[in-house]
C-alpha atoms as a PDB file:
ATOM      1  CA  MET A   1       0.080  -0.144   0.123  1.00  0.00           C
ATOM      2  CA  LYS A   2       1.407   3.606  -1.098  1.00  0.00           C
ATOM      3  CA  VAL A   3       1.182   6.378   1.299  1.00  0.00           C
ATOM      4  CA  LYS A   4      -0.810   8.285  -1.354  1.00  0.00           C
ATOM      5  CA  ASP A   5      -3.616   5.672  -0.556  1.00  0.00           C
ATOM      6  CA  ILE A   6      -3.904   6.694   3.283  1.00  0.00           C
ATOM      7  CA  MET A   7      -2.625  10.162   3.662  1.00  0.00           C
ATOM      8  CA  THR A   8      -4.970  13.126   4.248  1.00  0.00           C
ATOM      9  CA  LYS A   9      -4.995  15.307   0.900  1.00  0.00           C
ATOM     10  CA  SER A  10      -6.923  18.404   2.290  1.00  0.00           C
ATOM     11  CA  VAL A  11      -3.983  19.966   4.278  1.00  0.00           C
ATOM     12  CA  ALA A  12      -4.027  23.135   6.294  1.00  0.00           C
ATOM     13  CA  SER A  13      -0.748  24.674   6.291  1.00  0.00           C
ATOM     14  CA  LEU A  14       1.306  27.923   7.520  1.00  0.00           C
ATOM     15  CA  ASN A  15       2.761  30.798   6.441  1.00  0.00           C
ATOM     16  CA  PRO A  16       6.366  31.056   8.081  1.00  0.00           C
ATOM     17  CA  GLU A  17       5.315  34.939   9.417  1.00  0.00           C
ATOM     18  CA  ASP A  18       1.991  33.476  11.077  1.00  0.00           C
ATOM     19  CA  THR A  19       2.117  34.250  14.379  1.00  0.00           C
ATOM     20  CA  VAL A  20       2.004  31.404  17.132  1.00  0.00           C
ATOM     21  CA  GLU A  21      -1.277  32.706  18.534  1.00  0.00           C
ATOM     22  CA  HIS A  22      -2.985  31.921  14.973  1.00  0.00           C
ATOM     23  CA  VAL A  23      -1.387  28.544  14.817  1.00  0.00           C
ATOM     24  CA  ALA A  24      -2.774  27.831  18.529  1.00  0.00           C
ATOM     25  CA  GLN A  25      -6.258  28.930  17.403  1.00  0.00           C
ATOM     26  CA  LEU A  26      -6.076  26.704  14.333  1.00  0.00           C
ATOM     27  CA  MET A  27      -4.671  23.557  16.090  1.00  0.00           C
ATOM     28  CA  LYS A  28      -7.370  24.104  19.060  1.00  0.00           C
ATOM     29  CA  GLU A  29     -10.251  24.553  15.991  1.00  0.00           C
ATOM     30  CA  HIS A  30      -9.294  21.674  13.446  1.00  0.00           C
ATOM     31  CA  ASN A  31      -7.968  19.460  16.405  1.00  0.00           C
ATOM     32  CA  ILE A  32      -4.648  18.735  15.302  1.00  0.00           C
ATOM     33  CA  GLY A  33      -1.033  18.713  17.084  1.00  0.00           C
ATOM     34  CA  SER A  34       0.969  19.905  13.733  1.00  0.00           C
ATOM     35  CA  LEU A  35       0.752  21.748  10.609  1.00  0.00           C
ATOM     36  CA  PRO A  36       3.045  22.196   7.971  1.00  0.00           C
ATOM     37  CA  VAL A  37       4.917  25.476   7.034  1.00  0.00           C
ATOM     38  CA  CYS A  38       5.080  26.252   3.550  1.00  0.00           C
ATOM     39  CA  ASN A  39       6.554  29.175   1.362  1.00  0.00           C
ATOM     40  CA  GLY A  40       4.356  29.217  -1.436  1.00  0.00           C
ATOM     41  CA  GLU A  41       3.312  25.167  -1.780  1.00  0.00           C
ATOM     42  CA  LYS A  42       7.447  24.230  -0.528  1.00  0.00           C
ATOM     43  CA  VAL A  43       7.501  22.821   2.763  1.00  0.00           C
ATOM     44  CA  ILE A  44       9.872  24.424   4.833  1.00  0.00           C
ATOM     45  CA  GLY A  45       9.057  23.359   8.485  1.00  0.00           C
ATOM     46  CA  MET A  46       6.761  21.525  10.509  1.00  0.00           C
ATOM     47  CA  ILE A  47       4.894  22.954  13.678  1.00  0.00           C
ATOM     48  CA  THR A  48       3.662  20.685  16.642  1.00  0.00           C
ATOM     49  CA  ASP A  49       1.646  21.735  20.115  1.00  0.00           C
ATOM     50  CA  ARG A  50       4.757  20.607  21.709  1.00  0.00           C
ATOM     51  CA  ASP A  51       6.899  23.417  19.844  1.00  0.00           C
ATOM     52  CA  ILE A  52       4.813  25.849  21.051  1.00  0.00           C
ATOM     53  CA  THR A  53       4.733  24.428  24.337  1.00  0.00           C
ATOM     54  CA  LEU A  54       8.135  24.240  24.785  1.00  0.00           C
ATOM     55  CA  ARG A  55      10.091  26.951  22.233  1.00  0.00           C
ATOM     56  CA  SER A  56       7.092  29.734  23.086  1.00  0.00           C
ATOM     57  CA  THR A  57       5.200  29.162  26.411  1.00  0.00           C
ATOM     58  CA  ALA A  58       7.709  28.002  28.433  1.00  0.00           C
ATOM     59  CA  GLU A  59      10.190  30.907  27.384  1.00  0.00           C
ATOM     60  CA  GLY A  60       7.730  33.535  28.174  1.00  0.00           C
ATOM     61  CA  GLU A  61       7.475  34.185  24.549  1.00  0.00           C
ATOM     62  CA  ASN A  62       4.618  36.627  23.219  1.00  0.00           C
ATOM     63  CA  VAL A  63       2.898  34.393  21.450  1.00  0.00           C
ATOM     64  CA  GLN A  64       0.841  37.671  19.372  1.00  0.00           C
ATOM     65  CA  LYS A  65       4.312  38.539  18.018  1.00  0.00           C
ATOM     66  CA  GLN A  66       6.321  35.382  17.873  1.00  0.00           C
ATOM     67  CA  THR A  67       6.696  34.251  14.245  1.00  0.00           C
ATOM     68  CA  VAL A  68       6.188  30.226  13.174  1.00  0.00           C
ATOM     69  CA  ARG A  69       9.339  30.816  12.079  1.00  0.00           C
ATOM     70  CA  ASP A  70      10.875  31.350  15.440  1.00  0.00           C
ATOM     71  CA  ILE A  71       9.803  28.222  16.735  1.00  0.00           C
ATOM     72  CA  MET A  72       9.236  25.344  13.147  1.00  0.00           C
ATOM     73  CA  THR A  73      11.288  22.895  12.788  1.00  0.00           C
ATOM     74  CA  SER A  74      13.318  23.818   9.791  1.00  0.00           C
ATOM     75  CA  ASN A  75      13.770  21.202   7.018  1.00  0.00           C
ATOM     76  CA  PRO A  76      11.430  18.608   8.238  1.00  0.00           C
ATOM     77  CA  VAL A  77      11.599  15.247   6.859  1.00  0.00           C
ATOM     78  CA  VAL A  78       9.470  14.925   3.675  1.00  0.00           C
ATOM     79  CA  ILE A  79       8.303  11.652   1.679  1.00  0.00           C
ATOM     80  CA  SER A  80       6.780  11.245  -1.603  1.00  0.00           C
ATOM     81  CA  PRO A  81       3.061   9.995  -2.135  1.00  0.00           C
ATOM     82  CA  GLU A  82       4.772   6.447  -3.791  1.00  0.00           C
ATOM     83  CA  ILE A  83       6.770   5.593  -1.156  1.00  0.00           C
ATOM     84  CA  ASP A  84       5.474   2.242   0.490  1.00  0.00           C
ATOM     85  CA  ALA A  85       3.166   2.745   3.515  1.00  0.00           C
ATOM     86  CA  LYS A  86       5.540   0.634   5.672  1.00  0.00           C
ATOM     87  CA  GLU A  87       8.398   2.686   4.910  1.00  0.00           C
ATOM     88  CA  ALA A  88       6.554   5.576   6.116  1.00  0.00           C
ATOM     89  CA  SER A  89       6.296   3.989   9.180  1.00  0.00           C
ATOM     90  CA  ARG A  90      10.015   2.644   9.636  1.00  0.00           C
ATOM     91  CA  ILE A  91      10.791   6.452   8.707  1.00  0.00           C
ATOM     92  CA  MET A  92       8.603   7.843  11.892  1.00  0.00           C
ATOM     93  CA  SER A  93      10.066   5.049  13.875  1.00  0.00           C
ATOM     94  CA  GLU A  94      13.483   6.298  13.023  1.00  0.00           C
ATOM     95  CA  ARG A  95      13.003   9.597  13.021  1.00  0.00           C
ATOM     96  CA  GLN A  96      10.518   9.370  16.360  1.00  0.00           C
ATOM     97  CA  ILE A  97       7.777  11.447  14.520  1.00  0.00           C
ATOM     98  CA  ARG A  98       4.023  10.895  14.013  1.00  0.00           C
ATOM     99  CA  ARG A  99       3.384  13.036  11.085  1.00  0.00           C
ATOM    100  CA  LEU A 100       5.305  13.432   7.562  1.00  0.00           C
ATOM    101  CA  PRO A 101       4.443  15.880   4.921  1.00  0.00           C
ATOM    102  CA  VAL A 102       3.894  14.244   1.781  1.00  0.00           C
ATOM    103  CA  VAL A 103       5.273  16.277  -1.237  1.00  0.00           C
ATOM    104  CA  GLU A 104       5.223  15.728  -4.847  1.00  0.00           C
ATOM    105  CA  ASN A 105       7.126  17.696  -7.540  1.00  0.00           C
ATOM    106  CA  ASN A 106       8.378  20.369  -4.511  1.00  0.00           C
ATOM    107  CA  ASN A 107       4.743  20.563  -3.553  1.00  0.00           C
ATOM    108  CA  LEU A 108       2.678  19.273  -0.500  1.00  0.00           C
ATOM    109  CA  VAL A 109       0.015  17.007  -1.972  1.00  0.00           C
ATOM    110  CA  GLY A 110      -0.717  15.675   1.677  1.00  0.00           C
ATOM    111  CA  VAL A 111       0.499  14.261   5.368  1.00  0.00           C
ATOM    112  CA  VAL A 112       0.704  10.928   6.589  1.00  0.00           C
ATOM    113  CA  SER A 113       0.282  10.344  10.087  1.00  0.00           C
ATOM    114  CA  LEU A 114       0.957   7.177  12.519  1.00  0.00           C
ATOM    115  CA  GLY A 115      -3.005   7.072  12.958  1.00  0.00           C
ATOM    116  CA  ASP A 116      -3.357   7.046   8.915  1.00  0.00           C
ATOM    117  CA  ILE A 117      -0.977   3.912   9.277  1.00  0.00           C
ATOM    118  CA  SER A 118      -2.359   2.365  12.486  1.00  0.00           C
ATOM    119  CA  VAL A 119      -6.204   1.736  10.686  1.00  0.00           C
ATOM    120  CA  GLU A 120      -5.220  -0.156   7.836  1.00  0.00           C
ATOM    121  CA  PRO A 121      -5.590  -3.469   9.125  1.00  0.00           C
ATOM    122  CA  ASN A 122      -2.397  -4.627   7.399  1.00  0.00           C
ATOM    123  CA  LEU A 123      -0.662  -2.144   8.382  1.00  0.00           C
ATOM    124  CA  TYR A 124      -1.289  -2.036  12.005  1.00  0.00           C
ATOM    125  CA  ASN A 125       1.895  -4.100  13.489  1.00  0.00           C
ATOM    126  CA  SER A 126       3.936  -1.710  11.812  1.00  0.00           C
ATOM    127  CA  ALA A 127       2.208   1.109  13.153  1.00  0.00           C
ATOM    128  CA  GLY A 128       2.680  -0.563  16.668  1.00  0.00           C
ATOM    129  CA  LYS A 129       6.341  -0.887  16.324  1.00  0.00           C
ATOM    130  CA  ALA A 130       7.162   2.901  15.383  1.00  0.00           C
ATOM    131  CA  LEU A 131       4.678   3.702  18.196  1.00  0.00           C
ATOM    132  CA  THR A 132       6.959   1.802  20.632  1.00  0.00           C
ATOM    133  CA  ASN A 133       9.773   3.331  19.147  1.00  0.00           C
ATOM    134  CA  ILE A 134       8.482   6.980  19.208  1.00  0.00           C
ATOM    135  CA  SER A 135       7.040   6.732  22.904  1.00  0.00           C
ATOM    136  CA  GLU A 136      10.543   5.675  23.747  1.00  0.00           C
ATOM    137  CA  PRO A 137      12.326   8.573  25.858  1.00  0.00           C
ATOM    138  CA  SER A 138      15.559   9.309  24.176  1.00  0.00           C
ATOM    139  CA  THR A 139      18.399  10.121  25.767  1.00  0.00           C
ATOM    140  CA  PRO A 140      19.813  13.397  26.074  1.00  0.00           C
ATOM    141  CA  ASN A 141      23.464  14.065  24.791  1.00  0.00           C
ATOM    142  CA  ILE A 142      25.192  15.517  28.119  1.00  0.00           C
END
């Protein structure tokens, strides 16, 4: 099964100059935990609710003025819609991430999540292994 068969195709995206407050409102409104950041249709970053918590709120930043560019993860891992869904799961596991932007010809065409993979009966084990690896705390380099 290919990523294009299970990905979410209608995906909201952000501009790097959007405010963190705007992002938080969008996440609440759509009940989502992450959004791709695009320059035009090209994915240049990802932002998660965790990014907002750790890089903005916990730092005492003004969410009405701070921009997405300030706290997003730049140059995120992206995948092709033609990649096998098990390979996408392996990438998520290896990188400890739950969502991947799907890009074709440098344009955002969707997002695939661990949830998308886990609801497919023949991919359930792959998703379970990925979730186990993602849930393991990483060891900080001290």
